[in-house]
Protein backbone atom coordinates (compact mmCIF):
# COMPACT_ATOMS: atom_id res chain seq x y z
CA MET A 1 -33.86 -23.56 26.38
CA PHE A 2 -31.33 -22.35 28.90
CA VAL A 3 -28.40 -23.44 26.70
CA TYR A 4 -29.84 -21.71 23.63
CA SER A 5 -29.74 -18.37 25.41
CA LYS A 6 -26.04 -18.64 26.21
CA ARG A 7 -23.76 -16.23 24.37
CA TRP A 8 -21.14 -18.89 23.59
CA PHE A 9 -23.77 -21.17 22.06
CA GLN A 10 -25.13 -18.39 19.86
CA THR A 11 -21.58 -17.52 18.75
CA LEU A 12 -20.89 -21.16 17.93
CA VAL A 13 -24.07 -21.34 15.84
CA VAL A 14 -23.02 -18.21 13.94
CA PHE A 15 -19.59 -19.69 13.15
CA ILE A 16 -21.19 -22.95 12.00
CA LEU A 17 -23.63 -21.10 9.75
CA VAL A 18 -20.84 -18.98 8.26
CA PHE A 19 -18.79 -22.14 7.61
CA LEU A 20 -21.78 -23.83 5.97
CA LEU A 21 -22.38 -20.73 3.84
CA ILE A 22 -18.75 -20.74 2.65
CA LEU A 23 -18.98 -24.47 1.95
CA LEU A 24 -22.20 -23.96 -0.01
CA ILE A 25 -20.65 -21.15 -2.07
CA SER A 26 -17.57 -23.26 -2.86
CA ALA A 27 -19.79 -26.20 -3.89
CA THR A 28 -21.93 -24.01 -6.15
CA ASP A 29 -19.22 -21.70 -7.45
CA PHE A 30 -20.58 -21.99 -11.00
CA LEU A 31 -23.61 -19.98 -9.85
CA PHE A 32 -21.49 -17.25 -8.28
CA ASP A 33 -18.80 -17.14 -11.00
CA PRO A 34 -20.53 -14.34 -12.99
CA ILE A 35 -20.93 -12.33 -9.78
CA PHE A 36 -17.26 -12.77 -8.87
CA LYS A 37 -16.21 -11.75 -12.38
CA TYR A 38 -18.35 -8.63 -12.12
CA LEU A 39 -16.88 -7.77 -8.72
CA ALA A 40 -13.34 -8.33 -10.05
CA ALA A 41 -14.09 -6.01 -12.98
CA VAL A 42 -15.28 -3.15 -10.77
CA ALA A 43 -13.02 -3.80 -7.76
CA LEU A 44 -9.98 -1.90 -8.99
CA PRO A 45 -11.92 1.16 -10.23
CA VAL A 46 -13.78 1.25 -6.91
CA VAL A 47 -10.55 0.90 -4.92
CA GLY A 48 -8.83 3.56 -7.02
CA ALA A 49 -11.77 5.90 -6.64
CA GLY A 50 -11.89 5.12 -2.92
CA VAL A 51 -8.26 6.15 -2.44
CA LEU A 52 -8.87 9.38 -4.36
CA PHE A 53 -12.06 9.89 -2.37
CA TYR A 54 -10.17 9.99 0.94
CA ILE A 55 -7.54 12.27 -0.59
CA THR A 56 -9.98 14.77 -2.11
CA ARG A 57 -12.81 14.67 0.45
CA PRO A 58 -11.05 17.16 2.82
CA VAL A 59 -10.73 19.59 -0.10
CA VAL A 60 -14.45 19.31 -0.88
CA HIS A 61 -15.35 19.86 2.78
CA PHE A 62 -12.98 22.83 2.92
CA LEU A 63 -14.67 24.44 -0.08
CA GLU A 64 -18.13 23.74 1.34
CA LYS A 65 -17.19 25.70 4.46
CA TYR A 66 -16.93 28.75 2.24
CA ARG A 67 -20.45 28.12 0.86
CA VAL A 68 -19.29 26.54 -2.39
CA HIS A 69 -21.91 24.14 -3.73
CA ARG A 70 -20.84 20.50 -3.48
CA VAL A 71 -21.05 19.81 -7.23
CA LEU A 72 -18.99 22.91 -7.98
CA ALA A 73 -16.49 21.89 -5.30
CA ILE A 74 -16.19 18.44 -6.91
CA PHE A 75 -15.51 20.01 -10.31
CA ILE A 76 -12.82 22.20 -8.73
CA VAL A 77 -11.25 19.05 -7.26
CA PHE A 78 -11.31 17.37 -10.68
CA ILE A 79 -9.62 20.42 -12.22
CA LEU A 80 -6.91 20.27 -9.54
CA LEU A 81 -6.38 16.55 -10.22
CA ILE A 82 -6.10 17.18 -13.96
CA LEU A 83 -3.62 19.98 -13.29
CA ILE A 84 -1.48 17.71 -11.09
CA ILE A 85 -1.53 14.94 -13.72
CA TYR A 86 -0.58 17.48 -16.41
CA LEU A 87 2.39 18.75 -14.37
CA ILE A 88 3.58 15.20 -13.70
CA ILE A 89 3.32 14.17 -17.36
CA ASN A 90 5.04 17.29 -18.69
CA TYR A 91 7.72 17.97 -16.09
CA ILE A 92 8.48 14.86 -14.04
CA ALA A 93 7.72 11.89 -16.30
CA PRO A 94 10.13 12.87 -19.13
CA ILE A 95 13.07 13.25 -16.73
CA ALA A 96 12.27 9.98 -14.96
CA GLN A 97 11.83 8.16 -18.28
CA LYS A 98 15.17 9.46 -19.59
CA GLN A 99 16.97 8.43 -16.41
CA PHE A 100 15.29 5.01 -16.45
CA THR A 101 16.31 4.46 -20.10
CA ASN A 102 19.90 5.43 -19.31
CA LEU A 103 19.90 3.08 -16.35
CA ILE A 104 18.69 0.15 -18.47
CA ASN A 105 21.28 0.96 -21.14
CA ASN A 106 24.03 0.89 -18.49
CA VAL A 107 23.07 -2.55 -17.20
CA PRO A 108 25.61 -4.38 -19.48
CA GLU A 109 28.38 -2.09 -18.23
CA MET A 110 27.38 -2.82 -14.63
CA VAL A 111 27.35 -6.54 -15.38
CA GLU A 112 30.81 -6.37 -16.89
CA GLY A 113 32.09 -4.51 -13.84
CA ALA A 114 30.60 -7.14 -11.51
CA GLN A 115 32.16 -9.95 -13.56
CA ASN A 116 35.56 -8.26 -13.42
CA LEU A 117 35.29 -7.94 -9.63
CA ILE A 118 34.38 -11.60 -9.24
CA THR A 119 37.21 -12.66 -11.58
CA LEU A 120 39.69 -10.53 -9.65
CA TRP A 121 38.50 -12.01 -6.37
CA GLN A 122 38.77 -15.56 -7.71
CA SER A 123 42.28 -14.99 -9.03
CA ASN A 124 43.43 -13.94 -5.55
CA GLN A 125 41.87 -16.91 -3.75
CA ASP A 126 43.77 -20.22 -3.70
CA MET A 127 41.66 -22.07 -1.15
CA ILE A 128 38.24 -21.97 -2.82
CA PRO A 129 36.60 -25.44 -2.96
CA ALA A 130 35.86 -26.77 -6.45
CA ASP A 131 32.08 -26.85 -5.87
CA MET A 132 32.03 -23.25 -4.69
CA ASN A 133 34.22 -22.19 -7.60
CA GLN A 134 31.81 -23.90 -10.01
CA ALA A 135 28.85 -22.18 -8.39
CA ILE A 136 30.59 -18.80 -8.65
CA ASN A 137 31.34 -19.42 -12.32
CA HIS A 138 27.70 -20.31 -12.93
CA VAL A 139 26.51 -17.13 -11.23
CA THR A 140 29.08 -15.06 -13.14
CA SER A 141 28.07 -16.48 -16.51
CA ASN A 142 24.41 -15.73 -15.80
CA LEU A 143 24.94 -12.49 -13.93
CA GLN A 144 23.46 -10.27 -16.64
CA SER A 145 20.24 -12.26 -16.75
CA TYR A 146 20.01 -12.13 -12.94
CA ILE A 147 20.47 -8.36 -12.85
CA GLU A 148 18.07 -7.81 -15.72
CA GLY A 149 15.53 -10.00 -13.94
CA ALA A 150 16.00 -8.02 -10.72
CA MET A 151 15.63 -4.73 -12.59
CA SER A 152 12.51 -6.06 -14.28
CA PHE A 153 11.06 -7.02 -10.89
CA LEU A 154 11.99 -3.74 -9.22
CA PHE A 155 11.18 -1.29 -12.02
CA GLY A 156 8.99 -3.09 -14.50
CA PHE A 157 5.81 -2.85 -12.49
CA ILE A 158 6.10 0.95 -12.20
CA SER A 159 5.28 1.58 -15.87
CA GLN A 160 2.58 -1.10 -15.74
CA LEU A 161 1.07 0.44 -12.63
CA ILE A 162 1.04 3.95 -14.08
CA GLY A 163 -0.37 2.75 -17.39
CA PHE A 164 -3.02 0.71 -15.64
CA VAL A 165 -4.07 3.57 -13.39
CA PHE A 166 -4.48 5.90 -16.34
CA SER A 167 -6.47 3.22 -18.19
CA LEU A 168 -9.09 3.05 -15.45
CA VAL A 169 -11.62 5.28 -17.14
CA LEU A 170 -14.28 4.33 -14.61
CA VAL A 171 -12.40 5.88 -11.70
CA PRO A 172 -13.56 9.49 -12.33
CA PHE A 173 -17.19 8.37 -12.50
CA PHE A 174 -16.97 6.40 -9.25
CA LEU A 175 -15.09 9.26 -7.61
CA PHE A 176 -17.70 11.85 -8.65
CA PHE A 177 -20.60 9.93 -7.13
CA MET A 178 -18.59 9.02 -4.00
CA LEU A 179 -17.90 12.68 -3.37
CA LYS A 180 -21.43 13.75 -4.28
CA ASP A 181 -23.45 11.08 -2.42
CA GLY A 182 -20.94 9.70 0.08
CA ASP A 183 -22.76 11.27 3.04
CA LYS A 184 -25.95 9.40 2.07
CA PHE A 185 -24.41 5.94 2.52
CA VAL A 186 -24.65 5.73 6.32
CA PRO A 187 -28.30 6.91 6.52
CA PHE A 188 -29.19 4.48 3.72
CA VAL A 189 -27.64 1.54 5.61
CA THR A 190 -29.03 2.42 9.03
CA LYS A 191 -32.61 3.35 8.06
CA ILE A 192 -33.83 -0.27 8.21
CA PHE A 193 -32.71 -0.70 11.85
CA ASN A 194 -34.24 0.54 15.06
CA LYS A 195 -32.81 3.57 16.78
CA LYS A 196 -30.40 1.74 19.09
CA LYS A 197 -29.00 -0.60 16.46
CA ALA A 198 -28.79 2.23 13.95
CA ALA A 199 -26.67 4.25 16.38
CA ASN A 200 -24.38 1.25 16.92
CA ILE A 201 -23.92 0.64 13.19
CA ARG A 202 -23.41 4.37 12.61
CA SER A 203 -20.64 4.34 15.21
CA LEU A 204 -19.03 1.29 13.59
CA LEU A 205 -19.09 2.81 10.10
CA HIS A 206 -17.62 6.03 11.49
CA LYS A 207 -14.74 4.09 13.07
CA ILE A 208 -14.09 2.19 9.82
CA ASP A 209 -14.09 5.48 7.94
CA GLU A 210 -11.59 6.97 10.39
CA THR A 211 -9.36 3.88 10.14
CA LEU A 212 -9.27 3.97 6.34
CA ALA A 213 -8.76 7.73 6.25
CA SER A 214 -5.90 7.53 8.78
CA TYR A 215 -4.19 4.74 6.87
CA ILE A 216 -4.63 6.02 3.30
CA LEU A 217 -3.86 9.69 3.94
CA GLY A 218 -1.11 8.88 6.42
CA GLN A 219 0.62 6.26 4.29
CA LEU A 220 0.48 8.37 1.12
CA PHE A 221 1.81 11.44 2.93
CA VAL A 222 4.58 9.42 4.56
CA SER A 223 5.54 7.95 1.17
CA LEU A 224 5.58 11.43 -0.40
CA CYS A 225 7.80 12.76 2.41
CA ILE A 226 10.21 9.83 2.10
CA GLY A 227 10.37 10.30 -1.68
CA ILE A 228 11.23 13.99 -1.27
CA LEU A 229 13.83 13.24 1.41
CA LEU A 230 15.41 10.54 -0.75
CA PHE A 231 15.51 12.83 -3.78
CA ILE A 232 17.18 15.60 -1.80
CA GLY A 233 19.63 13.14 -0.26
CA TYR A 234 20.48 11.55 -3.62
CA LEU A 235 21.10 14.99 -5.12
CA ILE A 236 23.39 15.92 -2.23
CA ILE A 237 25.55 12.79 -2.65
CA HIS A 238 25.40 13.15 -6.50
CA LEU A 239 23.84 9.75 -7.09
CA LYS A 240 22.99 9.00 -10.72
CA TYR A 241 19.34 8.60 -11.72
CA ALA A 242 18.31 10.39 -8.51
CA LEU A 243 14.75 11.21 -9.59
CA THR A 244 13.96 7.70 -10.87
CA LEU A 245 15.36 6.03 -7.76
CA ALA A 246 13.55 8.47 -5.45
CA LEU A 247 10.25 7.87 -7.27
CA PHE A 248 10.76 4.13 -6.93
CA GLY A 249 11.46 4.59 -3.21
CA MET A 250 8.32 6.71 -2.80
CA ILE A 251 6.15 4.06 -4.50
CA MET A 252 7.68 1.21 -2.52
CA CYS A 253 7.16 3.02 0.76
CA VAL A 254 3.40 2.63 0.23
CA ILE A 255 4.05 -0.93 1.45
CA PRO A 256 4.26 -0.68 5.26
CA PHE A 257 7.43 -1.63 7.12
CA ILE A 258 9.26 -3.58 4.38
CA GLY A 259 8.78 -0.98 1.63
CA PRO A 260 11.76 1.19 2.66
CA PHE A 261 14.06 -1.84 2.73
CA ILE A 262 13.00 -2.79 -0.82
CA SER A 263 13.32 0.79 -2.07
CA VAL A 264 16.99 1.10 -1.11
CA VAL A 265 18.14 -2.01 -3.04
CA PRO A 266 18.33 -0.54 -6.58
CA ALA A 267 19.83 2.71 -5.25
CA MET A 268 22.60 0.80 -3.46
CA ILE A 269 23.31 -1.28 -6.59
CA VAL A 270 23.55 1.85 -8.74
CA GLY A 271 25.63 3.61 -6.08
CA PHE A 272 28.04 0.68 -5.77
CA PHE A 273 28.80 0.64 -9.51
CA GLN A 274 29.11 4.41 -9.56
CA ASP A 275 31.53 4.31 -6.62
CA PRO A 276 31.70 1.62 -3.88
CA MET A 277 31.67 4.36 -1.24
CA MET A 278 28.49 5.74 -2.81
CA ALA A 279 26.58 2.65 -1.62
CA VAL A 280 27.48 3.61 1.95
CA TRP A 281 26.21 7.15 1.37
CA VAL A 282 22.96 5.76 -0.07
CA ALA A 283 22.49 3.66 3.07
CA ILE A 284 23.11 6.74 5.23
CA VAL A 285 20.55 8.75 3.24
CA MET A 286 17.95 6.01 3.73
CA ILE A 287 18.68 5.74 7.45
CA VAL A 288 18.33 9.52 7.90
CA ALA A 289 15.06 9.54 5.91
CA GLN A 290 13.73 6.61 7.94
CA GLN A 291 14.64 8.28 11.24
CA LEU A 292 12.91 11.50 10.24
CA GLU A 293 9.86 9.54 9.08
CA GLY A 294 9.72 7.26 12.12
CA ASN A 295 10.23 9.98 14.74
CA LEU A 296 8.59 13.04 13.23
CA ILE A 297 6.31 12.34 10.28
CA SER A 298 4.46 9.11 11.11
CA PRO A 299 3.67 9.92 14.77
CA ASN A 300 2.27 13.34 13.88
CA ILE A 301 0.48 12.42 10.64
CA MET A 302 -0.83 8.92 11.26
CA GLY A 303 -0.88 9.32 15.03
CA ARG A 304 -0.27 5.59 15.49
CA ALA A 305 -4.00 5.27 14.85
CA LEU A 306 -3.77 1.71 13.60
CA LYS A 307 -1.67 0.48 16.55
CA LEU A 308 -0.31 -2.52 14.66
CA HIS A 309 2.77 -4.36 15.93
CA PRO A 310 5.63 -4.61 13.38
CA LEU A 311 5.62 -8.43 13.71
CA THR A 312 1.91 -8.43 12.82
CA ILE A 313 2.60 -6.28 9.76
CA ILE A 314 5.42 -8.56 8.58
CA THR A 315 3.25 -11.67 9.02
CA LEU A 316 0.34 -10.08 7.17
CA ILE A 317 2.51 -8.95 4.27
CA LEU A 318 4.23 -12.31 3.86
CA ALA A 319 0.93 -14.22 4.00
CA ALA A 320 -0.91 -11.83 1.68
CA GLY A 321 2.00 -11.77 -0.77
CA SER A 322 2.05 -15.56 -1.07
CA ILE A 323 -1.73 -15.64 -1.61
CA ALA A 324 -2.45 -12.61 -3.79
CA GLY A 325 0.93 -11.27 -4.92
CA PHE A 326 1.62 -7.53 -5.02
CA LEU A 327 -2.03 -6.54 -4.60
CA GLY A 328 -2.22 -8.71 -1.49
CA ILE A 329 0.84 -6.98 -0.06
CA LEU A 330 -0.68 -3.59 -0.82
CA PHE A 331 -4.09 -4.18 0.74
CA ALA A 332 -3.27 -6.61 3.57
CA VAL A 333 -2.67 -3.99 6.27
CA PRO A 334 -5.74 -1.79 5.63
CA PHE A 335 -7.94 -4.88 5.34
CA TYR A 336 -6.61 -6.20 8.65
CA ALA A 337 -7.06 -2.77 10.26
CA VAL A 338 -10.71 -2.67 9.18
CA VAL A 339 -11.36 -6.21 10.44
CA LYS A 340 -9.66 -5.34 13.72
CA THR A 341 -11.83 -2.23 14.05
CA ILE A 342 -15.00 -4.28 13.51
CA ILE A 343 -14.00 -6.97 16.03
CA VAL A 344 -12.98 -4.41 18.68
CA HIS A 345 -16.22 -2.48 18.17
CA PHE A 346 -18.47 -5.52 18.63
CA TYR A 347 -16.41 -6.74 21.57
CA ARG A 348 -16.78 -3.39 23.32
CA THR A 349 -20.49 -3.37 22.46
CA TYR A 350 -20.83 -6.81 24.05
CA GLN A 351 -18.88 -5.68 27.14
CA ASP A 352 -21.06 -2.57 27.50
CA SER A 353 -24.27 -4.61 27.21
CA LYS A 354 -22.93 -7.09 29.76
CA ASP A 355 -22.04 -4.29 32.19
CA ASN A 356 -25.49 -2.70 31.74
CA LYS A 357 -27.18 -6.02 32.55
CA GLU A 358 -25.09 -6.40 35.69
CA ASP A 359 -25.91 -2.85 36.77
CA ALA A 360 -29.60 -3.55 36.18
CA LEU A 361 -29.43 -6.64 38.40
CA ILE A 362 -27.76 -4.66 41.14
């Protein structure tokens, strides 16, 4: 009986039970397949509504401070969202679409310029090994397909993402009820527990809410600021397709840490074919934007609330990308931050209970 009361033994039993539960689910996946399909169907609308919930919740609370009824405040928020979407569709999307079409149409010209550069370089080199020369010829002959593939990877998902977001007709419904009844979630969860446990769970849910709010609002604001800085910088250096490339940079910067490095690739390619020196100016613009973001925007907006080491972020992104692709890259960091918050909370709860027992013995 003495061993059963040990904390390490109870923890070991919990891990064994969790492992057995996972094993049982994997062995009887045919029973859970309809449930998983249902969750997959509603996951993206819920996630999309959740992101909008954290963006619009401060506006609802602000309106409620001035004695605006919550339902009316929610309708005002929906009107503002519709207005923003209308402005984007009518004033930003046409310009970006025109620039993107021009960029795609100029790909053959860029390919021809790259082939001419490689041919010129080969003609001035007498000491190139035969194998290397053959490899260069192979790359040159397939250069257009490589560039088109890169452009498809870098830009293709933007139109798919926008089209998919607008096709999520369930998002407004989820968002409405999240804003209307979101405050009822914590009391609903904690009402079945005693007073002490309810307070502990309430504290945990509050910390998770703060973590998600800090990450979502902070990351979106940082991405918006970087997009604006890139657009201004690209206009100053007279880079072609400035709006399209800045929008791509803004979207890519949603991915922590590696997003800015991905976002500068198409801009540097376009800048190099416009003028080789332009690629240098593009790099300078990105460095300036990153310095402003890293030293001014992120510390003041996100407040380093997540406290994640860059090496941890890189590892998470690489692992999540290999497992779940782009969606894994997008959600790896917030998921890890939530898990970290839960583990730290229960560890501190355990430490506090341990200290209280020691004080009681004294």
